[in-house]
Protein backbone atom coordinates (compact mmCIF):
# COMPACT_ATOMS: atom_id res chain seq x y z
CA MET A 1 -38.85 17.22 -28.97
CA PRO A 2 -41.61 14.91 -27.69
CA PRO A 3 -44.65 14.42 -30.17
CA ILE A 4 -47.92 16.13 -29.27
CA LYS A 5 -49.46 13.27 -27.43
CA ASN A 6 -46.33 13.10 -25.17
CA CYS A 7 -46.29 16.86 -24.56
CA THR A 8 -47.72 17.94 -21.30
CA ILE A 9 -48.78 21.41 -22.89
CA CYS A 10 -50.03 20.46 -26.38
CA CYS A 11 -51.80 17.20 -25.35
CA ARG A 12 -54.26 19.51 -23.39
CA LEU A 13 -55.08 21.64 -26.35
CA ARG A 14 -57.16 20.89 -29.31
CA ASP A 15 -56.14 21.63 -33.01
CA ARG A 16 -58.42 24.72 -32.84
CA GLU A 17 -59.47 26.44 -29.45
CA THR A 18 -61.66 29.48 -29.07
CA SER A 19 -62.16 31.94 -26.35
CA PHE A 20 -65.02 34.37 -25.86
CA SER A 21 -65.76 37.15 -23.40
CA LYS A 22 -68.70 39.74 -23.13
CA TYR A 23 -68.18 43.13 -21.51
CA LEU A 24 -70.24 43.10 -18.01
CA ASP A 25 -71.48 39.56 -18.71
CA PRO A 26 -68.76 37.15 -17.08
CA ASP A 27 -71.23 34.23 -17.01
CA LEU A 28 -70.70 34.07 -20.81
CA ASP A 29 -67.00 34.06 -20.69
CA ARG A 30 -65.27 31.03 -22.20
CA PRO A 31 -61.53 31.32 -21.75
CA PHE A 32 -58.89 29.29 -23.46
CA PRO A 33 -57.64 26.09 -21.68
CA GLU A 34 -55.16 26.96 -18.89
CA ALA A 35 -52.49 25.04 -21.16
CA ALA A 36 -52.63 27.86 -23.56
CA ASP A 37 -51.17 30.23 -21.17
CA ARG A 38 -48.04 28.34 -21.29
CA LEU A 39 -47.36 28.99 -25.02
CA VAL A 40 -44.70 31.60 -25.67
CA ILE A 41 -45.28 34.50 -28.17
CA VAL A 42 -42.90 34.31 -31.11
CA ALA A 43 -41.30 37.89 -31.53
CA ALA A 44 -41.77 37.41 -35.19
CA LEU A 45 -40.47 39.95 -37.95
CA GLY A 46 -42.95 41.60 -40.18
CA MET A 47 -46.13 41.43 -37.93
CA LYS A 48 -48.12 44.52 -38.45
CA ASP A 49 -50.58 44.17 -35.48
CA ALA A 50 -48.95 41.67 -33.33
CA GLY A 51 -51.70 42.10 -30.58
CA LYS A 52 -54.32 40.82 -32.88
CA ARG A 53 -52.50 38.35 -34.72
CA HIS A 54 -49.11 36.44 -33.99
CA VAL A 55 -47.64 33.01 -33.58
CA ARG A 56 -47.06 31.13 -30.32
CA ARG A 57 -44.86 28.12 -29.61
CA CYS A 58 -44.93 25.44 -27.13
CA PRO A 59 -41.68 25.72 -25.09
CA GLU A 60 -41.83 22.02 -24.48
CA CYS A 61 -42.19 20.44 -27.85
CA GLY A 62 -41.85 23.29 -30.24
CA THR A 63 -45.17 23.16 -31.89
CA LEU A 64 -46.40 26.37 -33.39
CA TYR A 65 -49.90 28.00 -33.18
CA ASP A 66 -51.54 30.90 -35.05
CA TYR A 67 -53.29 33.24 -32.81
CA LEU A 68 -56.06 35.67 -33.81
CA SER A 69 -58.30 37.99 -31.94
CA TRP A 70 -61.02 40.41 -32.95
CA HIS A 71 -63.67 42.63 -31.22
CA GLU A 72 -67.33 43.01 -31.93
CA TYR A 73 -69.01 46.13 -30.70
CA PHE A 74 -72.67 45.99 -29.52
CA ILE A 75 -75.00 48.24 -27.69
CA ASN A 76 -75.55 45.72 -24.82
CA GLY A 77 -71.78 45.20 -24.55
CA SER A 78 -68.68 44.54 -26.73
CA GLU A 79 -67.38 40.88 -27.27
CA GLU A 80 -63.78 39.65 -27.52
CA ASN A 81 -63.10 36.57 -29.64
CA GLU A 82 -59.83 34.69 -29.79
CA GLU A 83 -58.73 31.68 -31.98
CA LEU A 84 -55.76 29.46 -31.43
CA SER A 85 -54.92 27.12 -34.24
CA ARG A 86 -52.30 24.49 -34.20
CA MET A 87 -50.02 24.53 -37.24
CA ASN A 88 -49.45 21.31 -39.15
CA THR A 89 -45.75 20.47 -40.23
CA ALA A 90 -46.10 22.19 -43.72
CA GLN A 91 -47.74 25.32 -42.23
CA ALA A 92 -44.85 25.58 -39.42
CA ALA A 93 -42.14 25.20 -42.13
CA VAL A 94 -43.70 28.02 -44.37
CA PHE A 95 -43.71 30.33 -41.24
CA ILE A 96 -40.17 29.51 -40.13
CA ARG A 97 -38.61 29.77 -43.78
CA ALA A 98 -40.43 33.11 -44.32
CA GLN A 99 -39.07 34.51 -40.97
CA ALA A 100 -35.48 33.22 -42.14
CA ARG A 101 -35.92 35.14 -45.45
CA LEU A 102 -36.58 38.40 -43.48
CA LEU A 103 -33.71 37.78 -41.40
CA GLU A 104 -31.41 37.37 -44.37
CA ALA A 105 -32.99 40.33 -46.12
CA LEU A 106 -31.98 42.56 -42.94
CA ARG A 107 -28.51 40.86 -43.07
CA ARG A 108 -28.24 41.92 -46.73
CA GLU A 109 -29.04 45.45 -46.03
CA VAL A 110 -26.38 45.66 -43.41
CA ASP A 111 -23.87 43.94 -45.75
CA PHE A 112 -24.74 46.40 -48.70
CA LEU A 113 -24.23 49.57 -46.67
CA GLU A 114 -20.93 48.24 -45.04
CA SER A 115 -19.67 47.40 -48.50
CA SER A 116 -20.91 50.66 -50.11
CA ALA A 117 -19.26 52.58 -47.17
CA GLY A 118 -15.96 50.65 -47.69
CA ARG A 119 -16.00 51.48 -51.43
CA LEU A 120 -16.39 55.20 -50.50
CA GLY A 121 -13.41 54.82 -48.24
CA ASP A 122 -11.23 53.42 -50.96
CA PHE A 123 -12.34 56.23 -53.27
CA ILE A 124 -11.55 58.80 -50.81
CA ASP A 125 -8.11 57.25 -50.02
CA ARG A 126 -6.99 56.35 -53.58
CA GLY A 127 -9.23 58.03 -55.99
CA ARG A 128 -7.64 61.60 -55.67
CA PRO A 129 -11.02 63.29 -55.45
CA GLY A 130 -11.24 67.06 -55.19
CA ASP A 131 -12.08 68.67 -51.92
CA ALA A 132 -15.90 69.01 -52.61
CA GLU A 133 -16.14 65.55 -54.01
CA ALA A 134 -14.17 64.24 -51.02
CA GLY A 135 -16.36 65.94 -48.60
CA GLU A 136 -19.60 64.46 -50.28
CA ALA A 137 -18.09 61.06 -50.12
CA LEU A 138 -17.14 61.33 -46.59
CA ALA A 139 -20.54 62.58 -45.57
CA ALA A 140 -22.31 59.65 -47.60
CA MET A 141 -19.78 57.12 -46.12
CA GLN A 142 -20.47 58.33 -42.45
CA GLU A 143 -24.39 58.11 -43.14
CA GLN A 144 -23.99 54.63 -44.64
CA ARG A 145 -22.09 53.54 -41.65
CA ARG A 146 -24.50 54.91 -39.42
CA GLN A 147 -27.40 53.18 -41.00
CA ALA A 148 -25.43 50.01 -41.06
CA ALA A 149 -24.68 50.17 -37.28
CA GLU A 150 -28.29 50.85 -36.55
CA LEU A 151 -29.45 47.83 -38.65
CA ARG A 152 -26.77 45.72 -36.98
CA CYS A 153 -28.22 46.38 -33.61
CA ARG A 154 -31.61 45.65 -34.92
CA LEU A 155 -30.54 42.34 -36.51
CA GLN A 156 -28.76 41.36 -33.15
CA GLU A 157 -31.73 42.11 -31.12
CA HIS A 158 -34.11 40.12 -33.55
CA VAL A 159 -31.46 37.15 -33.36
CA ALA A 160 -31.37 37.34 -29.56
CA VAL A 161 -35.07 37.33 -29.13
CA LEU A 162 -35.68 34.66 -31.53
CA ARG A 163 -33.03 32.31 -30.01
CA ARG A 164 -35.33 32.34 -27.07
CA SER A 165 -38.75 32.42 -28.60
CA CYS A 166 -38.25 30.21 -31.53
CA PRO A 167 -34.87 28.97 -32.34
CA GLU A 168 -36.01 26.90 -35.24
CA ILE A 169 -36.08 30.10 -37.13
CA ILE A 170 -32.30 30.69 -36.43
CA ALA A 171 -31.45 27.21 -37.21
CA ALA A 172 -33.36 27.38 -40.56
CA TRP A 173 -31.59 30.60 -41.60
CA ALA A 174 -28.07 29.40 -40.36
CA GLU A 175 -28.63 25.80 -42.01
CA ALA A 176 -29.46 27.34 -45.34
CA HIS A 177 -26.19 29.18 -45.48
CA VAL A 178 -24.25 26.19 -44.39
CA ARG A 179 -25.63 24.11 -47.15
CA VAL A 180 -24.61 26.77 -49.72
CA CYS A 181 -21.19 27.03 -48.18
CA ARG A 182 -20.90 23.23 -48.47
CA SER A 183 -21.76 23.40 -52.17
CA PHE A 184 -18.80 25.83 -52.62
CA GLN A 185 -16.55 23.40 -50.84
CA ALA A 186 -17.71 20.60 -53.01
CA SER A 187 -17.37 22.54 -56.31
CA PRO A 188 -14.11 21.65 -58.30
CA GLY A 189 -13.10 25.18 -58.69
CA THR A 190 -12.03 27.01 -61.88
CA GLY A 191 -8.50 25.78 -62.03
CA SER A 192 -7.28 29.38 -61.33
CA GLU A 193 -4.87 30.51 -58.65
CA ASN A 194 -7.78 32.04 -56.86
CA ASP A 195 -9.31 28.68 -56.10
CA GLY A 196 -7.39 28.38 -52.89
CA THR A 197 -8.51 31.63 -51.56
CA ALA A 198 -12.08 30.91 -52.56
CA ARG A 199 -12.07 27.53 -50.68
CA PHE A 200 -10.67 29.39 -47.52
CA VAL A 201 -13.10 31.98 -47.65
CA ALA A 202 -15.98 29.28 -48.03
CA ASP A 203 -14.38 27.39 -45.13
CA GLU A 204 -14.53 30.54 -42.82
CA THR A 205 -17.98 31.61 -43.86
CA LEU A 206 -19.18 27.99 -43.00
CA SER A 207 -17.47 28.13 -39.58
CA ARG A 208 -19.25 31.30 -38.88
CA TRP A 209 -22.58 30.21 -39.64
CA GLN A 210 -22.21 27.10 -37.75
CA ARG A 211 -21.23 29.20 -34.80
CA LEU A 212 -24.31 31.40 -35.15
CA ALA A 213 -26.65 28.59 -34.75
CA GLU A 214 -24.82 27.81 -31.35
CA GLY A 215 -24.82 31.47 -30.29
CA GLY A 216 -22.28 33.20 -32.37
CA GLU A 217 -22.38 36.74 -33.86
CA SER A 218 -25.67 37.62 -35.47
CA PHE A 219 -24.16 39.45 -38.52
CA ILE A 220 -21.88 37.66 -41.05
CA ALA A 221 -20.73 39.36 -44.25
CA ILE A 222 -20.75 37.30 -47.43
CA ALA A 223 -17.50 37.95 -49.65
CA GLU A 224 -19.32 37.57 -52.76
CA PRO A 225 -16.22 38.37 -55.01
CA TRP A 226 -14.74 35.06 -53.86
CA LEU A 227 -18.11 33.25 -53.71
CA ASP A 228 -19.60 34.02 -56.97
CA GLY A 229 -23.56 33.44 -57.14
CA TYR A 230 -23.62 32.78 -53.40
CA LEU A 231 -26.98 34.72 -52.98
CA GLU A 232 -28.67 33.20 -55.82
CA ARG A 233 -27.79 29.78 -54.59
CA LEU A 234 -29.13 30.88 -51.04
CA ASP A 235 -32.32 32.13 -52.49
CA ARG A 236 -32.78 28.83 -54.45
CA GLU A 237 -32.03 26.76 -51.33
CA LEU A 238 -34.65 28.50 -49.34
CA ALA A 239 -37.39 28.40 -52.12
CA GLU A 240 -36.74 24.84 -52.85
CA THR A 241 -36.68 23.71 -49.07
CA GLU A 242 -40.05 25.56 -48.71
CA LYS A 243 -41.53 23.88 -51.63
CA GLY A 244 -40.56 20.57 -50.42
CA THR A 245 -42.37 20.77 -47.11
């Protein structure tokens, strides 16, 4: 991406731009520069009132901007104020990592529900439950699968939108997983007969996360029984990376 001074959009924007308009008094209007209209709204997760506050991204150089708007009501006409502030490198990194963590939290919800449904299925098949107990387990399993499918769709939608509006978030999420997978690949193992399987699982998981960054499937399960401590390593990785910005 070109630096701001070489970006045809950002070079026309100051670090902080403001806009003002007053109802029925257009002579007082002071709109954003035209270049601001070329910024793309990031479909960020966790935004409670995106109409009033959200993040915008330059489609040319990737620079992020914090957008804020507010109304003030007066007898002689209400006023609309807007503010657009360019994020510095550290601020952008904090935002991107926070969004990556929200994606990861959603992925973990799906993983938990699918794993729980799988355990209930095993109980029904092999646990020899009574009719009543089997019925309750079946109902719970079906509900968990329904919830998991719903969250999978939501995750897929978020990933698809973010690939267009802010691919850096998807890259940060995938790269954190890639680094954790490589740490398992580099570990000497325990010396048990399961080391080969654990290495194979790490290799497969790494490959899937690498593909995600390039457009692969949006949900990737983590086989924690074979990758002991994976999620703890991932949490540390994200936290340490953010602290290092």
